[in-house]
Amino acid sequence: MINQAFLQGLSDQLGQLMSKAPGGNANLQGQIQGVLQGAFSKMDLVNREEFDAQSAVLARTRAKLEALESQLSVLESRIEQADKQ
């Protein structure tokens, strides 16, 4: 679920920042990656493909809903006209 390349890049960047700090630890990068991976795995995240697929489903559902609302409006107007006669 979590993109390992993203985690590695983030870990590298944090490691570079920490190595510039006094007392930088060579093992720190691995620890940072572990902490980040643990934190991200606890989050309820989806990847871009899943998000795009669900967005497409939502768009189709919204279009169907709008069509049904339009049909309902037409039917309601027909009922109103029939009641007036």
PDB file of N, CA and C in Angstrom:
ATOM      1  N   MET A   1       0.819  -1.183   0.000  1.00  0.00           N
ATOM      2  CA  MET A   1       0.000   0.000   0.000  1.00  0.00           C
ATOM      3  C   MET A   1       0.869   1.255   0.000  1.00  0.00           C
ATOM      4  N   ILE A   2       1.922   1.280   0.782  1.00  0.00           N
ATOM      5  CA  ILE A   2       2.809   2.435   0.867  1.00  0.00           C
ATOM      6  C   ILE A   2       3.908   2.287  -0.175  1.00  0.00           C
ATOM      7  N   ASN A   3       4.144   3.351  -0.915  1.00  0.00           N
ATOM      8  CA  ASN A   3       5.175   3.359  -1.935  1.00  0.00           C
ATOM      9  C   ASN A   3       6.546   3.372  -1.254  1.00  0.00           C
ATOM     10  N   GLN A   4       7.309   2.307  -1.446  1.00  0.00           N
ATOM     11  CA  GLN A   4       8.611   2.181  -0.798  1.00  0.00           C
ATOM     12  C   GLN A   4       9.595   3.245  -1.288  1.00  0.00           C
ATOM     13  N   ALA A   5       9.497   3.626  -2.570  1.00  0.00           N
ATOM     14  CA  ALA A   5      10.396   4.656  -3.104  1.00  0.00           C
ATOM     15  C   ALA A   5      10.140   5.990  -2.407  1.00  0.00           C
ATOM     16  N   PHE A   6       8.858   6.296  -2.146  1.00  0.00           N
ATOM     17  CA  PHE A   6       8.523   7.526  -1.436  1.00  0.00           C
ATOM     18  C   PHE A   6       9.100   7.504  -0.032  1.00  0.00           C
ATOM     19  N   LEU A   7       8.914   6.369   0.657  1.00  0.00           N
ATOM     20  CA  LEU A   7       9.455   6.245   2.017  1.00  0.00           C
ATOM     21  C   LEU A   7      10.971   6.380   2.021  1.00  0.00           C
ATOM     22  N   GLN A   8      11.608   5.746   1.047  1.00  0.00           N
ATOM     23  CA  GLN A   8      13.071   5.797   0.981  1.00  0.00           C
ATOM     24  C   GLN A   8      13.533   7.225   0.732  1.00  0.00           C
ATOM     25  N   GLY A   9      12.869   7.935  -0.184  1.00  0.00           N
ATOM     26  CA  GLY A   9      13.234   9.328  -0.470  1.00  0.00           C
ATOM     27  C   GLY A   9      13.046  10.218   0.736  1.00  0.00           C
ATOM     28  N   LEU A  10      11.932  10.044   1.427  1.00  0.00           N
ATOM     29  CA  LEU A  10      11.675  10.837   2.623  1.00  0.00           C
ATOM     30  C   LEU A  10      12.697  10.527   3.705  1.00  0.00           C
ATOM     31  N   SER A  11      12.987   9.256   3.854  1.00  0.00           N
ATOM     32  CA  SER A  11      13.982   8.840   4.842  1.00  0.00           C
ATOM     33  C   SER A  11      15.364   9.416   4.505  1.00  0.00           C
ATOM     34  N   ASP A  12      15.711   9.392   3.210  1.00  0.00           N
ATOM     35  CA  ASP A  12      16.998   9.954   2.777  1.00  0.00           C
ATOM     36  C   ASP A  12      17.078  11.450   3.099  1.00  0.00           C
ATOM     37  N   GLN A  13      16.012  12.164   2.803  1.00  0.00           N
ATOM     38  CA  GLN A  13      16.009  13.600   3.067  1.00  0.00           C
ATOM     39  C   GLN A  13      16.134  13.889   4.561  1.00  0.00           C
ATOM     40  N   LEU A  14      15.380  13.158   5.361  1.00  0.00           N
ATOM     41  CA  LEU A  14      15.478  13.355   6.806  1.00  0.00           C
ATOM     42  C   LEU A  14      16.859  12.952   7.325  1.00  0.00           C
ATOM     43  N   GLY A  15      17.397  11.885   6.768  1.00  0.00           N
ATOM     44  CA  GLY A  15      18.729  11.448   7.161  1.00  0.00           C
ATOM     45  C   GLY A  15      19.791  12.484   6.846  1.00  0.00           C
ATOM     46  N   GLN A  16      19.658  13.121   5.681  1.00  0.00           N
ATOM     47  CA  GLN A  16      20.607  14.165   5.300  1.00  0.00           C
ATOM     48  C   GLN A  16      20.510  15.360   6.254  1.00  0.00           C
ATOM     49  N   LEU A  17      19.286  15.706   6.611  1.00  0.00           N
ATOM     50  CA  LEU A  17      19.115  16.805   7.559  1.00  0.00           C
ATOM     51  C   LEU A  17      19.727  16.465   8.916  1.00  0.00           C
ATOM     52  N   MET A  18      19.508  15.240   9.361  1.00  0.00           N
ATOM     53  CA  MET A  18      20.005  14.837  10.669  1.00  0.00           C
ATOM     54  C   MET A  18      21.520  14.649  10.672  1.00  0.00           C
ATOM     55  N   SER A  19      22.090  14.264   9.524  1.00  0.00           N
ATOM     56  CA  SER A  19      23.546  14.079   9.484  1.00  0.00           C
ATOM     57  C   SER A  19      24.271  15.412   9.603  1.00  0.00           C
ATOM     58  N   LYS A  20      23.611  16.488   9.221  1.00  0.00           N
ATOM     59  CA  LYS A  20      24.205  17.815   9.348  1.00  0.00           C
ATOM     60  C   LYS A  20      24.158  18.307  10.792  1.00  0.00           C
ATOM     61  N   ALA A  21      23.253  17.724  11.559  1.00  0.00           N
ATOM     62  CA  ALA A  21      23.128  18.114  12.960  1.00  0.00           C
ATOM     63  C   ALA A  21      24.288  17.527  13.755  1.00  0.00           C
ATOM     64  N   PRO A  22      24.687  18.198  14.812  1.00  0.00           N
ATOM     65  CA  PRO A  22      25.771  17.654  15.642  1.00  0.00           C
ATOM     66  C   PRO A  22      25.369  16.305  16.234  1.00  0.00           C
ATOM     67  N   GLY A  23      26.312  15.364  16.214  1.00  0.00           N
ATOM     68  CA  GLY A  23      26.065  14.043  16.788  1.00  0.00           C
ATOM     69  C   GLY A  23      25.193  13.174  15.894  1.00  0.00           C
ATOM     70  N   GLY A  24      25.225  13.390  14.550  1.00  0.00           N
ATOM     71  CA  GLY A  24      24.417  12.607  13.609  1.00  0.00           C
ATOM     72  C   GLY A  24      24.760  11.132  13.713  1.00  0.00           C
ATOM     73  N   ASN A  25      23.773  10.288  13.573  1.00  0.00           N
ATOM     74  CA  ASN A  25      23.929   8.849  13.732  1.00  0.00           C
ATOM     75  C   ASN A  25      23.780   8.176  12.374  1.00  0.00           C
ATOM     76  N   ALA A  26      24.704   7.278  12.019  1.00  0.00           N
ATOM     77  CA  ALA A  26      24.647   6.575  10.733  1.00  0.00           C
ATOM     78  C   ALA A  26      23.439   5.652  10.654  1.00  0.00           C
ATOM     79  N   ASN A  27      23.006   5.143  11.792  1.00  0.00           N
ATOM     80  CA  ASN A  27      21.866   4.225  11.831  1.00  0.00           C
ATOM     81  C   ASN A  27      20.536   4.977  11.864  1.00  0.00           C
ATOM     82  N   LEU A  28      20.616   6.283  11.960  1.00  0.00           N
ATOM     83  CA  LEU A  28      19.415   7.099  12.108  1.00  0.00           C
ATOM     84  C   LEU A  28      18.482   6.981  10.910  1.00  0.00           C
ATOM     85  N   GLN A  29      19.031   6.893   9.724  1.00  0.00           N
ATOM     86  CA  GLN A  29      18.210   6.814   8.522  1.00  0.00           C
ATOM     87  C   GLN A  29      17.311   5.569   8.549  1.00  0.00           C
ATOM     88  N   GLY A  30      17.852   4.449   8.937  1.00  0.00           N
ATOM     89  CA  GLY A  30      17.050   3.223   9.048  1.00  0.00           C
ATOM     90  C   GLY A  30      15.975   3.352  10.105  1.00  0.00           C
ATOM     91  N   GLN A  31      16.300   4.002  11.201  1.00  0.00           N
ATOM     92  CA  GLN A  31      15.315   4.207  12.259  1.00  0.00           C
ATOM     93  C   GLN A  31      14.195   5.131  11.795  1.00  0.00           C
ATOM     94  N   ILE A  32      14.574   6.173  11.085  1.00  0.00           N
ATOM     95  CA  ILE A  32      13.572   7.108  10.568  1.00  0.00           C
ATOM     96  C   ILE A  32      12.645   6.389   9.600  1.00  0.00           C
ATOM     97  N   GLN A  33      13.207   5.581   8.703  1.00  0.00           N
ATOM     98  CA  GLN A  33      12.384   4.854   7.740  1.00  0.00           C
ATOM     99  C   GLN A  33      11.421   3.907   8.465  1.00  0.00           C
ATOM    100  N   GLY A  34      11.903   3.237   9.495  1.00  0.00           N
ATOM    101  CA  GLY A  34      11.037   2.344  10.262  1.00  0.00           C
ATOM    102  C   GLY A  34       9.901   3.078  10.951  1.00  0.00           C
ATOM    103  N   VAL A  35      10.220   4.219  11.530  1.00  0.00           N
ATOM    104  CA  VAL A  35       9.192   5.016  12.210  1.00  0.00           C
ATOM    105  C   VAL A  35       8.158   5.516  11.209  1.00  0.00           C
ATOM    106  N   LEU A  36       8.636   6.010  10.072  1.00  0.00           N
ATOM    107  CA  LEU A  36       7.709   6.514   9.051  1.00  0.00           C
ATOM    108  C   LEU A  36       6.827   5.394   8.508  1.00  0.00           C
ATOM    109  N   GLN A  37       7.417   4.252   8.238  1.00  0.00           N
ATOM    110  CA  GLN A  37       6.638   3.133   7.711  1.00  0.00           C
ATOM    111  C   GLN A  37       5.592   2.693   8.726  1.00  0.00           C
ATOM    112  N   GLY A  38       5.954   2.654   9.994  1.00  0.00           N
ATOM    113  CA  GLY A  38       4.993   2.298  11.032  1.00  0.00           C
ATOM    114  C   GLY A  38       3.874   3.314  11.132  1.00  0.00           C
ATOM    115  N   ALA A  39       4.221   4.589  11.053  1.00  0.00           N
ATOM    116  CA  ALA A  39       3.201   5.645  11.146  1.00  0.00           C
ATOM    117  C   ALA A  39       2.266   5.602   9.945  1.00  0.00           C
ATOM    118  N   PHE A  40       2.816   5.437   8.746  1.00  0.00           N
ATOM    119  CA  PHE A  40       1.978   5.397   7.552  1.00  0.00           C
ATOM    120  C   PHE A  40       1.119   4.145   7.507  1.00  0.00           C
ATOM    121  N   SER A  41       1.608   3.036   8.037  1.00  0.00           N
ATOM    122  CA  SER A  41       0.805   1.812   8.003  1.00  0.00           C
ATOM    123  C   SER A  41      -0.393   1.907   8.955  1.00  0.00           C
ATOM    124  N   LYS A  42      -0.285   2.731   9.984  1.00  0.00           N
ATOM    125  CA  LYS A  42      -1.412   2.921  10.902  1.00  0.00           C
ATOM    126  C   LYS A  42      -2.483   3.839  10.323  1.00  0.00           C
ATOM    127  N   MET A  43      -2.100   4.634   9.332  1.00  0.00           N
ATOM    128  CA  MET A  43      -3.052   5.553   8.704  1.00  0.00           C
ATOM    129  C   MET A  43      -3.896   4.780   7.697  1.00  0.00           C
ATOM    130  N   ASP A  44      -5.085   5.267   7.470  1.00  0.00           N
ATOM    131  CA  ASP A  44      -5.982   4.646   6.512  1.00  0.00           C
ATOM    132  C   ASP A  44      -5.780   5.339   5.158  1.00  0.00           C
ATOM    133  N   LEU A  45      -4.679   5.003   4.493  1.00  0.00           N
ATOM    134  CA  LEU A  45      -4.315   5.658   3.234  1.00  0.00           C
ATOM    135  C   LEU A  45      -4.638   4.756   2.050  1.00  0.00           C
ATOM    136  N   VAL A  46      -4.911   5.364   0.908  1.00  0.00           N
ATOM    137  CA  VAL A  46      -5.081   4.629  -0.340  1.00  0.00           C
ATOM    138  C   VAL A  46      -4.078   5.171  -1.341  1.00  0.00           C
ATOM    139  N   ASN A  47      -3.729   4.334  -2.310  1.00  0.00           N
ATOM    140  CA  ASN A  47      -2.790   4.818  -3.315  1.00  0.00           C
ATOM    141  C   ASN A  47      -3.540   5.582  -4.394  1.00  0.00           C
ATOM    142  N   ARG A  48      -2.810   6.215  -5.280  1.00  0.00           N
ATOM    143  CA  ARG A  48      -3.388   7.075  -6.312  1.00  0.00           C
ATOM    144  C   ARG A  48      -4.325   6.285  -7.228  1.00  0.00           C
ATOM    145  N   GLU A  49      -3.954   5.051  -7.585  1.00  0.00           N
ATOM    146  CA  GLU A  49      -4.797   4.243  -8.474  1.00  0.00           C
ATOM    147  C   GLU A  49      -6.158   3.974  -7.841  1.00  0.00           C
ATOM    148  N   GLU A  50      -6.168   3.606  -6.569  1.00  0.00           N
ATOM    149  CA  GLU A  50      -7.428   3.361  -5.874  1.00  0.00           C
ATOM    150  C   GLU A  50      -8.258   4.640  -5.794  1.00  0.00           C
ATOM    151  N   PHE A  51      -7.606   5.749  -5.506  1.00  0.00           N
ATOM    152  CA  PHE A  51      -8.300   7.028  -5.414  1.00  0.00           C
ATOM    153  C   PHE A  51      -8.926   7.403  -6.751  1.00  0.00           C
ATOM    154  N   ASP A  52      -8.160   7.250  -7.841  1.00  0.00           N
ATOM    155  CA  ASP A  52      -8.677   7.586  -9.164  1.00  0.00           C
ATOM    156  C   ASP A  52      -9.843   6.684  -9.550  1.00  0.00           C
ATOM    157  N   ALA A  53      -9.733   5.387  -9.217  1.00  0.00           N
ATOM    158  CA  ALA A  53     -10.820   4.458  -9.523  1.00  0.00           C
ATOM    159  C   ALA A  53     -12.086   4.839  -8.769  1.00  0.00           C
ATOM    160  N   GLN A  54     -11.962   5.159  -7.505  1.00  0.00           N
ATOM    161  CA  GLN A  54     -13.126   5.546  -6.712  1.00  0.00           C
ATOM    162  C   GLN A  54     -13.691   6.892  -7.174  1.00  0.00           C
ATOM    163  N   SER A  55     -12.832   7.791  -7.628  1.00  0.00           N
ATOM    164  CA  SER A  55     -13.302   9.069  -8.163  1.00  0.00           C
ATOM    165  C   SER A  55     -14.125   8.851  -9.426  1.00  0.00           C
ATOM    166  N   ALA A  56     -13.687   7.912 -10.280  1.00  0.00           N
ATOM    167  CA  ALA A  56     -14.434   7.600 -11.495  1.00  0.00           C
ATOM    168  C   ALA A  56     -15.790   6.983 -11.153  1.00  0.00           C
ATOM    169  N   VAL A  57     -15.817   6.088 -10.168  1.00  0.00           N
ATOM    170  CA  VAL A  57     -17.078   5.491  -9.734  1.00  0.00           C
ATOM    171  C   VAL A  57     -18.007   6.574  -9.197  1.00  0.00           C
ATOM    172  N   LEU A  58     -17.470   7.478  -8.410  1.00  0.00           N
ATOM    173  CA  LEU A  58     -18.271   8.569  -7.862  1.00  0.00           C
ATOM    174  C   LEU A  58     -18.827   9.462  -8.972  1.00  0.00           C
ATOM    175  N   ALA A  59     -18.023   9.751  -9.982  1.00  0.00           N
ATOM    176  CA  ALA A  59     -18.484  10.593 -11.094  1.00  0.00           C
ATOM    177  C   ALA A  59     -19.622   9.910 -11.849  1.00  0.00           C
ATOM    178  N   ARG A  60     -19.489   8.602 -12.099  1.00  0.00           N
ATOM    179  CA  ARG A  60     -20.568   7.872 -12.779  1.00  0.00           C
ATOM    180  C   ARG A  60     -21.829   7.850 -11.925  1.00  0.00           C
ATOM    181  N   THR A  61     -21.664   7.645 -10.627  1.00  0.00           N
ATOM    182  CA  THR A  61     -22.809   7.618  -9.719  1.00  0.00           C
ATOM    183  C   THR A  61     -23.497   8.982  -9.675  1.00  0.00           C
ATOM    184  N   ARG A  62     -22.701  10.027  -9.649  1.00  0.00           N
ATOM    185  CA  ARG A  62     -23.261  11.386  -9.632  1.00  0.00           C
ATOM    186  C   ARG A  62     -24.050  11.651 -10.915  1.00  0.00           C
ATOM    187  N   ALA A  63     -23.519  11.210 -12.060  1.00  0.00           N
ATOM    188  CA  ALA A  63     -24.221  11.397 -13.334  1.00  0.00           C
ATOM    189  C   ALA A  63     -25.543  10.636 -13.340  1.00  0.00           C
ATOM    190  N   LYS A  64     -25.535   9.409 -12.821  1.00  0.00           N
ATOM    191  CA  LYS A  64     -26.776   8.631 -12.750  1.00  0.00           C
ATOM    192  C   LYS A  64     -27.782   9.300 -11.822  1.00  0.00           C
ATOM    193  N   LEU A  65     -27.305   9.820 -10.697  1.00  0.00           N
ATOM    194  CA  LEU A  65     -28.186  10.503  -9.755  1.00  0.00           C
ATOM    195  C   LEU A  65     -28.822  11.729 -10.399  1.00  0.00           C
ATOM    196  N   GLU A  66     -28.031  12.501 -11.121  1.00  0.00           N
ATOM    197  CA  GLU A  66     -28.563  13.689 -11.793  1.00  0.00           C
ATOM    198  C   GLU A  66     -29.606  13.304 -12.833  1.00  0.00           C
ATOM    199  N   ALA A  67     -29.376  12.208 -13.570  1.00  0.00           N
ATOM    200  CA  ALA A  67     -30.352  11.741 -14.555  1.00  0.00           C
ATOM    201  C   ALA A  67     -31.641  11.311 -13.870  1.00  0.00           C
ATOM    202  N   LEU A  68     -31.507  10.608 -12.749  1.00  0.00           N
ATOM    203  CA  LEU A  68     -32.696  10.173 -12.011  1.00  0.00           C
ATOM    204  C   LEU A  68     -33.459  11.366 -11.430  1.00  0.00           C
ATOM    205  N   GLU A  69     -32.738  12.351 -10.933  1.00  0.00           N
ATOM    206  CA  GLU A  69     -33.395  13.552 -10.419  1.00  0.00           C
ATOM    207  C   GLU A  69     -34.162  14.272 -11.525  1.00  0.00           C
ATOM    208  N   SER A  70     -33.583  14.295 -12.714  1.00  0.00           N
ATOM    209  CA  SER A  70     -34.248  14.920 -13.853  1.00  0.00           C
ATOM    210  C   SER A  70     -35.516  14.145 -14.220  1.00  0.00           C
ATOM    211  N   GLN A  71     -35.424  12.824 -14.262  1.00  0.00           N
ATOM    212  CA  GLN A  71     -36.598  12.000 -14.558  1.00  0.00           C
ATOM    213  C   GLN A  71     -37.674  12.197 -13.498  1.00  0.00           C
ATOM    214  N   LEU A  72     -37.279  12.250 -12.252  1.00  0.00           N
ATOM    215  CA  LEU A  72     -38.231  12.458 -11.163  1.00  0.00           C
ATOM    216  C   LEU A  72     -38.937  13.806 -11.301  1.00  0.00           C
ATOM    217  N   SER A  73     -38.186  14.810 -11.680  1.00  0.00           N
ATOM    218  CA  SER A  73     -38.759  16.141 -11.862  1.00  0.00           C
ATOM    219  C   SER A  73     -39.806  16.121 -12.974  1.00  0.00           C
ATOM    220  N   VAL A  74     -39.505  15.440 -14.068  1.00  0.00           N
ATOM    221  CA  VAL A  74     -40.454  15.325 -15.174  1.00  0.00           C
ATOM    222  C   VAL A  74     -41.708  14.589 -14.718  1.00  0.00           C
ATOM    223  N   LEU A  75     -41.534  13.490 -14.010  1.00  0.00           N
ATOM    224  CA  LEU A  75     -42.684  12.723 -13.520  1.00  0.00           C
ATOM    225  C   LEU A  75     -43.522  13.538 -12.542  1.00  0.00           C
ATOM    226  N   GLU A  76     -42.894  14.286 -11.662  1.00  0.00           N
ATOM    227  CA  GLU A  76     -43.632  15.123 -10.712  1.00  0.00           C
ATOM    228  C   GLU A  76     -44.440  16.197 -11.431  1.00  0.00           C
ATOM    229  N   SER A  77     -43.833  16.790 -12.466  1.00  0.00           N
ATOM    230  CA  SER A  77     -44.564  17.814 -13.212  1.00  0.00           C
ATOM    231  C   SER A  77     -45.748  17.205 -13.953  1.00  0.00           C
ATOM    232  N   ARG A  78     -45.617  15.990 -14.452  1.00  0.00           N
ATOM    233  CA  ARG A  78     -46.728  15.302 -15.122  1.00  0.00           C
ATOM    234  C   ARG A  78     -47.854  15.026 -14.118  1.00  0.00           C
ATOM    235  N   ILE A  79     -47.497  14.624 -12.928  1.00  0.00           N
ATOM    236  CA  ILE A  79     -48.505  14.352 -11.891  1.00  0.00           C
ATOM    237  C   ILE A  79     -49.234  15.640 -11.534  1.00  0.00           C
ATOM    238  N   GLU A  80     -48.508  16.740 -11.389  1.00  0.00           N
ATOM    239  CA  GLU A  80     -49.129  18.022 -11.084  1.00  0.00           C
ATOM    240  C   GLU A  80     -50.090  18.461 -12.185  1.00  0.00           C
ATOM    241  N   GLN A  81     -49.681  18.255 -13.430  1.00  0.00           N
ATOM    242  CA  GLN A  81     -50.538  18.624 -14.549  1.00  0.00           C
ATOM    243  C   GLN A  81     -51.792  17.746 -14.578  1.00  0.00           C
ATOM    244  N   ALA A  82     -51.634  16.463 -14.274  1.00  0.00           N
ATOM    245  CA  ALA A  82     -52.780  15.540 -14.271  1.00  0.00           C
ATOM    246  C   ALA A  82     -53.745  15.900 -13.147  1.00  0.00           C
ATOM    247  N   ASP A  83     -53.214  16.335 -12.007  1.00  0.00           N
ATOM    248  CA  ASP A  83     -54.072  16.715 -10.883  1.00  0.00           C
ATOM    249  C   ASP A  83     -54.862  17.992 -11.175  1.00  0.00           C
ATOM    250  N   LYS A  84     -54.324  18.871 -11.973  1.00  0.00           N
ATOM    251  CA  LYS A  84     -54.998  20.124 -12.305  1.00  0.00           C
ATOM    252  C   LYS A  84     -56.147  19.903 -13.279  1.00  0.00           C
ATOM    253  N   GLN A  85     -56.078  18.815 -14.023  1.00  0.00           N
ATOM    254  CA  GLN A  85     -57.118  18.561 -15.033  1.00  0.00           C
ATOM    255  C   GLN A  85     -58.292  17.909 -14.427  1.00  0.00           C
TER     256      GLN A  85
END
